[in-house]
Amino acid sequence: MNAAKRAEIFRRLKEDNPEPTTELEYQSVFELLVAVILSAQATDVGVNKATARLFPVANTPEAIHALGVEGLEQYIKTIGLYRSKAKNVIETCRLLIERHNGAVPSTREELEALPGVGRKTANVVLNTAFRQPAMAVDTHIFRVSNRTGIAPGKTVLEVEKKLVKFVPREYLLDAHHWLILHGRYVCKARKPQCGSCRIEDLCEYKAKTSDD
């Protein structure tokens, strides 16, 4: 795919959604971090239901740490892998208090040193909270990048690096959100809705569906 096609794809995605953001609900950088940790192998809807119960009771590292693992589990047990996630969140809260005065750090190295925070989670926080040009590649973005031809790659890291390299600079900050939403609602895994896709004429996917 050439640069002109990529630029037009993101121009249209921006035109349709000028200010995209995560569908996770949060009011602070810390709440975002917790929500993203909880969202691994879970839906944003499911995470939002759990945090709607948790955050009114505890939404700081100190308050969540005070709940303890078992206390936190009661709020997040509707989410998959909740036991391991509860342990990770409690330990992350402890480290935030001890190492960062309760604040969420803004560097990849410091974020990835926290339990439950891998490269993808760090990228989401860096991009969404700190507005850094980081690219969090989840299953949706991996699929869309390969299927359309925007940034094909065999691994998540390869796709991430190609996106950072190929996405036009003026669209890079919001590209993560546009791609994830496009994959979630239009370029679906089993049956992409090519007939109602805004970028169908630019997409290089060969097995396009004809109906909506």
N, C-alpha and C. Protein backbone atom coordinates (compact mmCIF):
# COMPACT_ATOMS: atom_id res chain seq x y z
N MET A 1 0.84 -1.19 0.00
CA MET A 1 0.00 0.00 0.00
C MET A 1 0.88 1.25 0.00
N ASN A 2 0.52 2.21 -0.84
CA ASN A 2 1.35 3.42 -0.93
C ASN A 2 0.93 4.48 0.09
N ALA A 3 1.76 5.48 0.23
CA ALA A 3 1.54 6.53 1.24
C ALA A 3 0.26 7.31 0.99
N ALA A 4 -0.07 7.54 -0.27
CA ALA A 4 -1.28 8.31 -0.60
C ALA A 4 -2.54 7.58 -0.14
N LYS A 5 -2.56 6.27 -0.33
CA LYS A 5 -3.71 5.48 0.12
C LYS A 5 -3.85 5.53 1.64
N ARG A 6 -2.72 5.35 2.32
CA ARG A 6 -2.77 5.39 3.79
C ARG A 6 -3.28 6.75 4.28
N ALA A 7 -2.79 7.81 3.69
CA ALA A 7 -3.20 9.15 4.10
C ALA A 7 -4.70 9.34 3.90
N GLU A 8 -5.23 8.84 2.78
CA GLU A 8 -6.66 8.99 2.52
C GLU A 8 -7.50 8.14 3.46
N ILE A 9 -7.00 6.95 3.79
CA ILE A 9 -7.71 6.10 4.75
C ILE A 9 -7.88 6.83 6.08
N PHE A 10 -6.80 7.39 6.60
CA PHE A 10 -6.88 8.05 7.91
C PHE A 10 -7.60 9.39 7.83
N ARG A 11 -7.54 10.03 6.67
CA ARG A 11 -8.31 11.27 6.50
C ARG A 11 -9.80 10.98 6.65
N ARG A 12 -10.25 9.88 6.03
CA ARG A 12 -11.67 9.51 6.11
C ARG A 12 -12.06 9.07 7.51
N LEU A 13 -11.19 8.28 8.14
CA LEU A 13 -11.49 7.83 9.50
C LEU A 13 -11.59 9.01 10.45
N LYS A 14 -10.73 10.00 10.26
CA LYS A 14 -10.80 11.21 11.09
C LYS A 14 -12.04 12.02 10.78
N GLU A 15 -12.40 12.09 9.53
CA GLU A 15 -13.60 12.84 9.12
C GLU A 15 -14.84 12.26 9.80
N ASP A 16 -14.89 10.94 9.88
CA ASP A 16 -16.05 10.29 10.49
C ASP A 16 -16.03 10.36 12.01
N ASN A 17 -14.84 10.44 12.59
CA ASN A 17 -14.71 10.43 14.05
C ASN A 17 -13.52 11.31 14.44
N PRO A 18 -13.74 12.64 14.51
CA PRO A 18 -12.64 13.59 14.71
C PRO A 18 -11.88 13.42 16.02
N GLU A 19 -12.56 12.98 17.07
CA GLU A 19 -11.90 12.87 18.37
C GLU A 19 -12.15 11.49 18.98
N PRO A 20 -11.51 10.46 18.42
CA PRO A 20 -11.73 9.11 18.93
C PRO A 20 -11.06 8.90 20.28
N THR A 21 -11.62 8.00 21.07
CA THR A 21 -10.99 7.68 22.35
C THR A 21 -11.34 6.25 22.73
N THR A 22 -10.76 5.79 23.80
CA THR A 22 -11.03 4.44 24.27
C THR A 22 -12.47 4.32 24.75
N GLU A 23 -13.02 3.11 24.67
CA GLU A 23 -14.36 2.88 25.18
C GLU A 23 -14.34 2.46 26.65
N LEU A 24 -13.14 2.34 27.20
CA LEU A 24 -13.03 2.12 28.64
C LEU A 24 -13.39 3.41 29.37
N GLU A 25 -14.11 3.29 30.46
CA GLU A 25 -14.55 4.49 31.20
C GLU A 25 -13.58 4.75 32.35
N TYR A 26 -13.10 5.99 32.42
CA TYR A 26 -12.13 6.35 33.46
C TYR A 26 -12.15 7.86 33.68
N GLN A 27 -11.69 8.28 34.85
CA GLN A 27 -11.64 9.70 35.20
C GLN A 27 -10.24 10.18 35.54
N SER A 28 -9.28 9.28 35.58
CA SER A 28 -7.91 9.65 35.92
C SER A 28 -6.95 8.69 35.22
N VAL A 29 -5.68 9.05 35.19
CA VAL A 29 -4.68 8.17 34.57
C VAL A 29 -4.62 6.84 35.32
N PHE A 30 -4.73 6.89 36.63
CA PHE A 30 -4.69 5.65 37.42
C PHE A 30 -5.89 4.76 37.09
N GLU A 31 -7.08 5.34 36.99
CA GLU A 31 -8.26 4.55 36.64
C GLU A 31 -8.08 3.92 35.26
N LEU A 32 -7.50 4.66 34.33
CA LEU A 32 -7.24 4.11 33.00
C LEU A 32 -6.29 2.92 33.09
N LEU A 33 -5.22 3.06 33.85
CA LEU A 33 -4.25 1.98 34.00
C LEU A 33 -4.92 0.72 34.54
N VAL A 34 -5.71 0.86 35.58
CA VAL A 34 -6.40 -0.29 36.17
C VAL A 34 -7.35 -0.91 35.15
N ALA A 35 -8.10 -0.08 34.45
CA ALA A 35 -9.06 -0.59 33.46
C ALA A 35 -8.36 -1.36 32.35
N VAL A 36 -7.22 -0.85 31.90
CA VAL A 36 -6.50 -1.53 30.82
C VAL A 36 -5.93 -2.86 31.30
N ILE A 37 -5.41 -2.90 32.52
CA ILE A 37 -4.92 -4.17 33.08
C ILE A 37 -6.06 -5.18 33.14
N LEU A 38 -7.24 -4.73 33.55
CA LEU A 38 -8.39 -5.62 33.67
C LEU A 38 -8.93 -6.06 32.31
N SER A 39 -8.63 -5.28 31.26
CA SER A 39 -9.24 -5.54 29.95
C SER A 39 -8.58 -6.66 29.15
N ALA A 40 -7.45 -7.17 29.63
CA ALA A 40 -6.78 -8.26 28.92
C ALA A 40 -7.72 -9.46 28.80
N GLN A 41 -7.96 -9.92 27.58
CA GLN A 41 -8.85 -11.05 27.31
C GLN A 41 -10.24 -10.83 27.91
N ALA A 42 -10.69 -9.58 27.90
CA ALA A 42 -12.03 -9.24 28.39
C ALA A 42 -12.57 -8.11 27.51
N THR A 43 -13.86 -7.91 27.54
CA THR A 43 -14.45 -6.84 26.75
C THR A 43 -14.46 -5.53 27.53
N ASP A 44 -14.42 -4.42 26.81
CA ASP A 44 -14.50 -3.11 27.46
C ASP A 44 -15.82 -2.98 28.22
N VAL A 45 -16.90 -3.51 27.66
CA VAL A 45 -18.21 -3.45 28.33
C VAL A 45 -18.15 -4.15 29.68
N GLY A 46 -17.55 -5.33 29.69
CA GLY A 46 -17.43 -6.09 30.94
C GLY A 46 -16.57 -5.38 31.97
N VAL A 47 -15.47 -4.79 31.51
CA VAL A 47 -14.59 -4.05 32.41
C VAL A 47 -15.31 -2.83 32.98
N ASN A 48 -16.04 -2.12 32.12
CA ASN A 48 -16.76 -0.91 32.57
C ASN A 48 -17.80 -1.25 33.64
N LYS A 49 -18.45 -2.41 33.52
CA LYS A 49 -19.44 -2.81 34.53
C LYS A 49 -18.76 -3.04 35.88
N ALA A 50 -17.58 -3.64 35.83
CA ALA A 50 -16.85 -3.92 37.07
C ALA A 50 -16.30 -2.64 37.70
N THR A 51 -15.69 -1.79 36.88
CA THR A 51 -15.11 -0.55 37.44
C THR A 51 -16.19 0.43 37.88
N ALA A 52 -17.39 0.30 37.34
CA ALA A 52 -18.49 1.16 37.81
C ALA A 52 -18.85 0.84 39.26
N ARG A 53 -18.55 -0.39 39.66
CA ARG A 53 -18.75 -0.76 41.07
C ARG A 53 -17.52 -0.43 41.91
N LEU A 54 -16.33 -0.63 41.31
CA LEU A 54 -15.08 -0.48 42.05
C LEU A 54 -14.70 0.99 42.29
N PHE A 55 -14.67 1.78 41.23
CA PHE A 55 -14.09 3.13 41.34
C PHE A 55 -14.82 4.06 42.31
N PRO A 56 -16.14 3.98 42.48
CA PRO A 56 -16.77 4.83 43.49
C PRO A 56 -16.33 4.50 44.92
N VAL A 57 -15.85 3.26 45.11
CA VAL A 57 -15.39 2.82 46.44
C VAL A 57 -13.89 3.05 46.60
N ALA A 58 -13.14 2.76 45.53
CA ALA A 58 -11.68 2.87 45.59
C ALA A 58 -11.14 3.22 44.20
N ASN A 59 -10.52 4.39 44.08
CA ASN A 59 -9.99 4.79 42.76
C ASN A 59 -8.63 5.45 42.86
N THR A 60 -7.88 5.12 43.92
CA THR A 60 -6.49 5.57 44.06
C THR A 60 -5.65 4.35 44.41
N PRO A 61 -4.34 4.41 44.18
CA PRO A 61 -3.49 3.28 44.55
C PRO A 61 -3.64 2.91 46.03
N GLU A 62 -3.73 3.92 46.87
CA GLU A 62 -3.83 3.67 48.31
C GLU A 62 -5.14 2.96 48.65
N ALA A 63 -6.24 3.43 48.07
CA ALA A 63 -7.56 2.88 48.40
C ALA A 63 -7.73 1.45 47.87
N ILE A 64 -7.26 1.20 46.65
CA ILE A 64 -7.38 -0.15 46.11
C ILE A 64 -6.44 -1.11 46.83
N HIS A 65 -5.23 -0.65 47.15
CA HIS A 65 -4.29 -1.50 47.88
C HIS A 65 -4.86 -1.89 49.23
N ALA A 66 -5.61 -0.97 49.84
CA ALA A 66 -6.20 -1.25 51.15
C ALA A 66 -7.28 -2.33 51.09
N LEU A 67 -7.86 -2.54 49.91
CA LEU A 67 -8.87 -3.59 49.75
C LEU A 67 -8.25 -4.98 49.90
N GLY A 68 -6.98 -5.09 49.49
CA GLY A 68 -6.34 -6.39 49.47
C GLY A 68 -6.82 -7.22 48.28
N VAL A 69 -6.14 -8.31 48.02
CA VAL A 69 -6.47 -9.13 46.85
C VAL A 69 -7.91 -9.65 46.93
N GLU A 70 -8.28 -10.23 48.05
CA GLU A 70 -9.62 -10.81 48.18
C GLU A 70 -10.70 -9.74 48.12
N GLY A 71 -10.41 -8.59 48.71
CA GLY A 71 -11.38 -7.50 48.65
C GLY A 71 -11.59 -7.00 47.23
N LEU A 72 -10.50 -6.88 46.48
CA LEU A 72 -10.60 -6.43 45.09
C LEU A 72 -11.32 -7.46 44.23
N GLU A 73 -11.08 -8.74 44.50
CA GLU A 73 -11.72 -9.81 43.71
C GLU A 73 -13.23 -9.69 43.73
N GLN A 74 -13.78 -9.24 44.82
CA GLN A 74 -15.24 -9.14 44.93
C GLN A 74 -15.83 -8.15 43.92
N TYR A 75 -15.03 -7.17 43.53
CA TYR A 75 -15.52 -6.18 42.58
C TYR A 75 -15.29 -6.58 41.12
N ILE A 76 -14.30 -7.44 40.89
CA ILE A 76 -13.92 -7.73 39.50
C ILE A 76 -14.12 -9.20 39.12
N LYS A 77 -14.84 -9.96 39.95
CA LYS A 77 -14.96 -11.40 39.69
C LYS A 77 -15.79 -11.74 38.46
N THR A 78 -16.47 -10.76 37.88
CA THR A 78 -17.21 -11.00 36.63
C THR A 78 -16.29 -10.96 35.41
N ILE A 79 -15.03 -10.58 35.62
CA ILE A 79 -14.06 -10.46 34.52
C ILE A 79 -13.20 -11.72 34.46
N GLY A 80 -12.88 -12.16 33.27
CA GLY A 80 -12.02 -13.33 33.12
C GLY A 80 -10.66 -13.12 33.75
N LEU A 81 -10.10 -14.19 34.29
CA LEU A 81 -8.77 -14.18 34.93
C LEU A 81 -8.72 -13.21 36.11
N TYR A 82 -9.85 -13.04 36.79
CA TYR A 82 -9.93 -11.99 37.81
C TYR A 82 -8.97 -12.21 38.98
N ARG A 83 -8.68 -13.47 39.31
CA ARG A 83 -7.79 -13.71 40.45
C ARG A 83 -6.37 -13.22 40.18
N SER A 84 -5.84 -13.57 39.00
CA SER A 84 -4.48 -13.11 38.69
C SER A 84 -4.46 -11.60 38.46
N LYS A 85 -5.53 -11.07 37.90
CA LYS A 85 -5.58 -9.63 37.69
C LYS A 85 -5.65 -8.87 39.02
N ALA A 86 -6.38 -9.43 39.99
CA ALA A 86 -6.46 -8.79 41.31
C ALA A 86 -5.08 -8.74 41.95
N LYS A 87 -4.33 -9.84 41.86
CA LYS A 87 -2.97 -9.85 42.42
C LYS A 87 -2.09 -8.82 41.73
N ASN A 88 -2.19 -8.75 40.39
CA ASN A 88 -1.37 -7.78 39.65
C ASN A 88 -1.72 -6.34 40.01
N VAL A 89 -3.01 -6.04 40.11
CA VAL A 89 -3.43 -4.67 40.42
C VAL A 89 -2.98 -4.27 41.83
N ILE A 90 -3.15 -5.16 42.79
CA ILE A 90 -2.73 -4.85 44.17
C ILE A 90 -1.22 -4.61 44.23
N GLU A 91 -0.45 -5.47 43.55
CA GLU A 91 1.00 -5.30 43.54
C GLU A 91 1.41 -4.02 42.80
N THR A 92 0.71 -3.72 41.71
CA THR A 92 0.97 -2.48 40.98
C THR A 92 0.70 -1.27 41.87
N CYS A 93 -0.38 -1.32 42.62
CA CYS A 93 -0.69 -0.21 43.55
C CYS A 93 0.43 -0.03 44.57
N ARG A 94 0.93 -1.15 45.09
CA ARG A 94 2.02 -1.06 46.06
C ARG A 94 3.25 -0.40 45.46
N LEU A 95 3.60 -0.79 44.24
CA LEU A 95 4.77 -0.22 43.59
C LEU A 95 4.57 1.25 43.24
N LEU A 96 3.35 1.61 42.82
CA LEU A 96 3.07 3.02 42.53
C LEU A 96 3.26 3.88 43.78
N ILE A 97 2.81 3.36 44.92
CA ILE A 97 2.94 4.09 46.18
C ILE A 97 4.41 4.19 46.59
N GLU A 98 5.13 3.07 46.50
CA GLU A 98 6.51 3.02 46.99
C GLU A 98 7.50 3.72 46.05
N ARG A 99 7.30 3.58 44.74
CA ARG A 99 8.29 4.09 43.78
C ARG A 99 7.91 5.41 43.13
N HIS A 100 6.60 5.69 43.05
CA HIS A 100 6.17 6.84 42.23
C HIS A 100 5.25 7.80 42.98
N ASN A 101 5.27 7.73 44.30
CA ASN A 101 4.42 8.61 45.11
C ASN A 101 2.95 8.55 44.72
N GLY A 102 2.52 7.36 44.28
CA GLY A 102 1.12 7.17 43.95
C GLY A 102 0.73 7.61 42.55
N ALA A 103 1.68 8.12 41.78
CA ALA A 103 1.38 8.61 40.42
C ALA A 103 1.74 7.54 39.38
N VAL A 104 1.03 7.56 38.28
CA VAL A 104 1.33 6.63 37.19
C VAL A 104 2.49 7.20 36.37
N PRO A 105 3.56 6.43 36.18
CA PRO A 105 4.71 6.95 35.42
C PRO A 105 4.38 7.09 33.94
N SER A 106 5.17 7.92 33.26
CA SER A 106 4.88 8.24 31.86
C SER A 106 5.95 7.73 30.90
N THR A 107 6.73 6.74 31.34
CA THR A 107 7.71 6.14 30.43
C THR A 107 7.41 4.66 30.26
N ARG A 108 7.72 4.12 29.10
CA ARG A 108 7.47 2.71 28.82
C ARG A 108 8.18 1.80 29.83
N GLU A 109 9.44 2.11 30.12
CA GLU A 109 10.23 1.26 31.01
C GLU A 109 9.59 1.17 32.40
N GLU A 110 9.17 2.29 32.93
CA GLU A 110 8.57 2.29 34.27
C GLU A 110 7.20 1.61 34.26
N LEU A 111 6.44 1.82 33.20
CA LEU A 111 5.13 1.17 33.12
C LEU A 111 5.26 -0.34 33.00
N GLU A 112 6.17 -0.80 32.15
CA GLU A 112 6.33 -2.24 31.94
C GLU A 112 6.95 -2.94 33.14
N ALA A 113 7.47 -2.18 34.09
CA ALA A 113 8.00 -2.76 35.32
C ALA A 113 6.88 -3.08 36.31
N LEU A 114 5.65 -2.65 36.00
CA LEU A 114 4.51 -2.89 36.88
C LEU A 114 3.86 -4.24 36.54
N PRO A 115 3.44 -5.01 37.54
CA PRO A 115 2.80 -6.31 37.29
C PRO A 115 1.53 -6.16 36.45
N GLY A 116 1.38 -7.03 35.46
CA GLY A 116 0.19 -6.98 34.62
C GLY A 116 0.26 -5.97 33.50
N VAL A 117 1.38 -5.26 33.42
CA VAL A 117 1.54 -4.24 32.37
C VAL A 117 2.58 -4.71 31.36
N GLY A 118 2.10 -5.16 30.22
CA GLY A 118 2.98 -5.53 29.12
C GLY A 118 3.11 -4.38 28.14
N ARG A 119 3.68 -4.66 27.00
CA ARG A 119 3.92 -3.61 26.01
C ARG A 119 2.61 -2.98 25.52
N LYS A 120 1.60 -3.83 25.28
CA LYS A 120 0.33 -3.30 24.77
C LYS A 120 -0.34 -2.38 25.78
N THR A 121 -0.40 -2.82 27.03
CA THR A 121 -1.01 -1.99 28.08
C THR A 121 -0.25 -0.68 28.24
N ALA A 122 1.08 -0.76 28.24
CA ALA A 122 1.89 0.45 28.35
C ALA A 122 1.60 1.40 27.19
N ASN A 123 1.48 0.85 25.99
CA ASN A 123 1.19 1.69 24.82
C ASN A 123 -0.15 2.39 24.93
N VAL A 124 -1.16 1.68 25.44
CA VAL A 124 -2.48 2.31 25.61
C VAL A 124 -2.38 3.49 26.56
N VAL A 125 -1.71 3.30 27.69
CA VAL A 125 -1.59 4.38 28.69
C VAL A 125 -0.76 5.54 28.14
N LEU A 126 0.35 5.22 27.48
CA LEU A 126 1.21 6.27 26.92
C LEU A 126 0.45 7.09 25.88
N ASN A 127 -0.34 6.40 25.06
CA ASN A 127 -1.06 7.09 23.98
C ASN A 127 -2.29 7.84 24.50
N THR A 128 -3.12 7.15 25.26
CA THR A 128 -4.40 7.72 25.68
C THR A 128 -4.25 8.76 26.79
N ALA A 129 -3.43 8.46 27.78
CA ALA A 129 -3.29 9.36 28.93
C ALA A 129 -2.24 10.44 28.71
N PHE A 130 -1.12 10.05 28.13
CA PHE A 130 0.00 10.98 28.00
C PHE A 130 0.20 11.50 26.58
N ARG A 131 -0.67 11.07 25.66
CA ARG A 131 -0.67 11.56 24.27
C ARG A 131 0.69 11.42 23.60
N GLN A 132 1.28 10.27 23.81
CA GLN A 132 2.52 9.94 23.11
C GLN A 132 2.18 9.08 21.89
N PRO A 133 2.95 9.17 20.82
CA PRO A 133 2.64 8.42 19.60
C PRO A 133 2.97 6.94 19.71
N ALA A 134 2.36 6.28 20.68
CA ALA A 134 2.56 4.84 20.87
C ALA A 134 1.40 4.10 20.20
N MET A 135 1.66 2.89 19.74
CA MET A 135 0.66 2.12 19.00
C MET A 135 0.42 0.79 19.70
N ALA A 136 -0.72 0.67 20.35
CA ALA A 136 -1.08 -0.57 21.04
C ALA A 136 -1.79 -1.48 20.06
N VAL A 137 -1.16 -2.58 19.70
CA VAL A 137 -1.73 -3.48 18.70
C VAL A 137 -2.44 -4.64 19.39
N ASP A 138 -3.77 -4.62 19.33
CA ASP A 138 -4.55 -5.74 19.84
C ASP A 138 -5.00 -6.61 18.67
N THR A 139 -5.90 -7.55 18.92
CA THR A 139 -6.33 -8.46 17.84
C THR A 139 -7.04 -7.70 16.72
N HIS A 140 -7.82 -6.67 17.08
CA HIS A 140 -8.52 -5.89 16.05
C HIS A 140 -7.54 -5.15 15.15
N ILE A 141 -6.59 -4.47 15.76
CA ILE A 141 -5.63 -3.68 14.99
C ILE A 141 -4.73 -4.59 14.16
N PHE A 142 -4.34 -5.71 14.73
CA PHE A 142 -3.51 -6.67 13.98
C PHE A 142 -4.26 -7.15 12.74
N ARG A 143 -5.54 -7.47 12.91
CA ARG A 143 -6.35 -7.94 11.78
C ARG A 143 -6.54 -6.86 10.73
N VAL A 144 -6.93 -5.66 11.15
CA VAL A 144 -7.18 -4.58 10.20
C VAL A 144 -5.91 -4.19 9.46
N SER A 145 -4.80 -4.13 10.16
CA SER A 145 -3.54 -3.74 9.53
C SER A 145 -3.13 -4.72 8.45
N ASN A 146 -3.33 -6.02 8.72
CA ASN A 146 -2.98 -7.05 7.74
C ASN A 146 -4.01 -7.15 6.62
N ARG A 147 -5.28 -7.12 6.99
CA ARG A 147 -6.34 -7.33 6.00
C ARG A 147 -6.38 -6.19 4.98
N THR A 148 -6.26 -4.97 5.44
CA THR A 148 -6.34 -3.82 4.54
C THR A 148 -5.06 -3.61 3.75
N GLY A 149 -3.94 -4.04 4.34
CA GLY A 149 -2.65 -3.77 3.72
C GLY A 149 -1.97 -2.53 4.26
N ILE A 150 -2.58 -1.89 5.27
CA ILE A 150 -2.00 -0.66 5.84
C ILE A 150 -0.62 -0.94 6.42
N ALA A 151 -0.52 -2.04 7.18
CA ALA A 151 0.76 -2.37 7.82
C ALA A 151 0.83 -3.87 8.06
N PRO A 152 1.02 -4.65 7.02
CA PRO A 152 1.04 -6.10 7.18
C PRO A 152 2.26 -6.58 7.96
N GLY A 153 2.06 -7.60 8.78
CA GLY A 153 3.16 -8.16 9.55
C GLY A 153 2.76 -9.47 10.17
N LYS A 154 3.72 -10.33 10.45
CA LYS A 154 3.43 -11.65 11.01
C LYS A 154 3.34 -11.64 12.53
N THR A 155 3.90 -10.62 13.16
CA THR A 155 3.84 -10.53 14.62
C THR A 155 3.25 -9.19 15.04
N VAL A 156 2.78 -9.14 16.28
CA VAL A 156 2.23 -7.90 16.82
C VAL A 156 3.27 -6.78 16.80
N LEU A 157 4.49 -7.11 17.18
CA LEU A 157 5.55 -6.10 17.23
C LEU A 157 5.88 -5.58 15.83
N GLU A 158 5.88 -6.47 14.84
CA GLU A 158 6.16 -6.05 13.46
C GLU A 158 5.09 -5.08 12.97
N VAL A 159 3.83 -5.40 13.25
CA VAL A 159 2.73 -4.52 12.85
C VAL A 159 2.84 -3.18 13.57
N GLU A 160 3.14 -3.23 14.87
CA GLU A 160 3.29 -2.00 15.65
C GLU A 160 4.35 -1.07 15.04
N LYS A 161 5.50 -1.64 14.74
CA LYS A 161 6.60 -0.83 14.20
C LYS A 161 6.27 -0.28 12.83
N LYS A 162 5.57 -1.08 12.00
CA LYS A 162 5.19 -0.59 10.68
C LYS A 162 4.15 0.53 10.77
N LEU A 163 3.21 0.40 11.70
CA LEU A 163 2.21 1.45 11.87
C LEU A 163 2.87 2.76 12.29
N VAL A 164 3.77 2.68 13.26
CA VAL A 164 4.46 3.89 13.71
C VAL A 164 5.25 4.52 12.56
N LYS A 165 5.78 3.68 11.69
CA LYS A 165 6.57 4.16 10.56
C LYS A 165 5.70 4.70 9.42
N PHE A 166 4.58 4.02 9.13
CA PHE A 166 3.82 4.32 7.92
C PHE A 166 2.63 5.26 8.11
N VAL A 167 2.04 5.29 9.31
CA VAL A 167 0.88 6.18 9.51
C VAL A 167 1.35 7.63 9.42
N PRO A 168 0.69 8.45 8.60
CA PRO A 168 1.10 9.85 8.48
C PRO A 168 1.16 10.53 9.84
N ARG A 169 2.16 11.36 10.03
CA ARG A 169 2.44 11.95 11.33
C ARG A 169 1.22 12.65 11.95
N GLU A 170 0.44 13.33 11.12
CA GLU A 170 -0.69 14.10 11.67
C GLU A 170 -1.82 13.20 12.19
N TYR A 171 -1.77 11.91 11.85
CA TYR A 171 -2.82 10.98 12.30
C TYR A 171 -2.32 9.99 13.35
N LEU A 172 -1.04 10.03 13.66
CA LEU A 172 -0.44 8.98 14.48
C LEU A 172 -1.00 8.91 15.91
N LEU A 173 -1.28 10.06 16.51
CA LEU A 173 -1.75 10.06 17.89
C LEU A 173 -3.09 9.35 18.05
N ASP A 174 -3.96 9.44 17.05
CA ASP A 174 -5.30 8.86 17.17
C ASP A 174 -5.49 7.59 16.35
N ALA A 175 -4.47 7.18 15.61
CA ALA A 175 -4.60 6.02 14.72
C ALA A 175 -5.00 4.76 15.48
N HIS A 176 -4.46 4.57 16.68
CA HIS A 176 -4.78 3.39 17.49
C HIS A 176 -6.28 3.28 17.71
N HIS A 177 -6.92 4.39 18.06
CA HIS A 177 -8.36 4.36 18.34
C HIS A 177 -9.18 4.15 17.07
N TRP A 178 -8.80 4.80 15.99
CA TRP A 178 -9.54 4.61 14.73
C TRP A 178 -9.49 3.16 14.28
N LEU A 179 -8.31 2.56 14.35
CA LEU A 179 -8.15 1.18 13.88
C LEU A 179 -8.89 0.18 14.76
N ILE A 180 -8.84 0.37 16.06
CA ILE A 180 -9.52 -0.58 16.94
C ILE A 180 -11.03 -0.49 16.78
N LEU A 181 -11.56 0.71 16.64
CA LEU A 181 -13.00 0.88 16.45
C LEU A 181 -13.43 0.33 15.09
N HIS A 182 -12.59 0.52 14.07
CA HIS A 182 -12.90 0.01 12.75
C HIS A 182 -12.94 -1.53 12.78
N GLY A 183 -11.99 -2.13 13.49
CA GLY A 183 -11.97 -3.58 13.59
C GLY A 183 -13.10 -4.13 14.43
N ARG A 184 -13.51 -3.37 15.42
CA ARG A 184 -14.56 -3.84 16.33
C ARG A 184 -15.95 -3.79 15.69
N TYR A 185 -16.19 -2.75 14.88
CA TYR A 185 -17.55 -2.53 14.38
C TYR A 185 -17.73 -2.72 12.88
N VAL A 186 -16.68 -2.64 12.10
CA VAL A 186 -16.81 -2.75 10.64
C VAL A 186 -16.00 -3.92 10.08
N CYS A 187 -14.69 -3.88 10.29
CA CYS A 187 -13.80 -4.90 9.73
C CYS A 187 -13.72 -6.08 10.70
N LYS A 188 -14.87 -6.72 10.91
CA LYS A 188 -14.99 -7.77 11.92
C LYS A 188 -14.25 -9.04 11.49
N ALA A 189 -13.93 -9.86 12.47
CA ALA A 189 -13.10 -11.04 12.20
C ALA A 189 -13.78 -12.02 11.25
N ARG A 190 -14.99 -12.44 11.58
CA ARG A 190 -15.63 -13.49 10.80
C ARG A 190 -16.29 -12.98 9.54
N LYS A 191 -16.90 -11.81 9.62
CA LYS A 191 -17.59 -11.28 8.44
C LYS A 191 -17.41 -9.76 8.36
N PRO A 192 -16.38 -9.31 7.69
CA PRO A 192 -16.18 -7.86 7.55
C PRO A 192 -17.33 -7.24 6.76
N GLN A 193 -17.76 -6.07 7.20
CA GLN A 193 -18.88 -5.38 6.55
C GLN A 193 -18.38 -4.47 5.44
N CYS A 194 -17.81 -5.10 4.42
CA CYS A 194 -17.18 -4.34 3.34
C CYS A 194 -18.15 -3.41 2.63
N GLY A 195 -19.40 -3.87 2.48
CA GLY A 195 -20.37 -3.07 1.75
C GLY A 195 -20.69 -1.73 2.38
N SER A 196 -20.47 -1.62 3.68
CA SER A 196 -20.75 -0.35 4.36
C SER A 196 -19.49 0.28 4.93
N CYS A 197 -18.34 -0.11 4.37
CA CYS A 197 -17.06 0.38 4.87
C CYS A 197 -16.62 1.64 4.12
N ARG A 198 -16.20 2.64 4.87
CA ARG A 198 -15.79 3.92 4.30
C ARG A 198 -14.49 3.84 3.50
N ILE A 199 -13.70 2.82 3.76
CA ILE A 199 -12.41 2.75 3.07
C ILE A 199 -12.32 1.52 2.15
N GLU A 200 -13.48 0.98 1.77
CA GLU A 200 -13.50 -0.24 0.95
C GLU A 200 -12.71 -0.06 -0.35
N ASP A 201 -12.84 1.09 -0.99
CA ASP A 201 -12.17 1.30 -2.28
C ASP A 201 -10.65 1.44 -2.14
N LEU A 202 -10.18 1.66 -0.92
CA LEU A 202 -8.75 1.82 -0.68
C LEU A 202 -8.13 0.55 -0.10
N CYS A 203 -8.97 -0.29 0.46
CA CYS A 203 -8.52 -1.51 1.12
C CYS A 203 -8.04 -2.54 0.09
N GLU A 204 -6.97 -3.26 0.44
CA GLU A 204 -6.39 -4.23 -0.48
C GLU A 204 -6.77 -5.68 -0.16
N TYR A 205 -7.81 -5.83 0.68
CA TYR A 205 -8.30 -7.17 1.01
C TYR A 205 -8.97 -7.79 -0.22
N LYS A 206 -8.56 -9.01 -0.55
CA LYS A 206 -9.03 -9.62 -1.80
C LYS A 206 -10.37 -10.34 -1.68
N ALA A 207 -10.71 -10.76 -0.50
CA ALA A 207 -11.96 -11.54 -0.32
C ALA A 207 -13.07 -10.68 0.27
N LYS A 208 -13.30 -9.51 -0.32
CA LYS A 208 -14.30 -8.58 0.23
C LYS A 208 -15.70 -9.16 0.14
N THR A 209 -16.50 -8.85 1.15
CA THR A 209 -17.90 -9.27 1.15
C THR A 209 -18.70 -8.25 0.36
N SER A 210 -19.75 -8.71 -0.28
CA SER A 210 -20.53 -7.80 -1.14
C SER A 210 -21.72 -7.19 -0.42
N ASP A 211 -22.17 -7.83 0.66
CA ASP A 211 -23.34 -7.31 1.35
C ASP A 211 -22.93 -6.56 2.61
N ASP A 212 -23.90 -5.86 3.18
CA ASP A 212 -23.66 -5.10 4.40
C ASP A 212 -23.74 -5.99 5.63
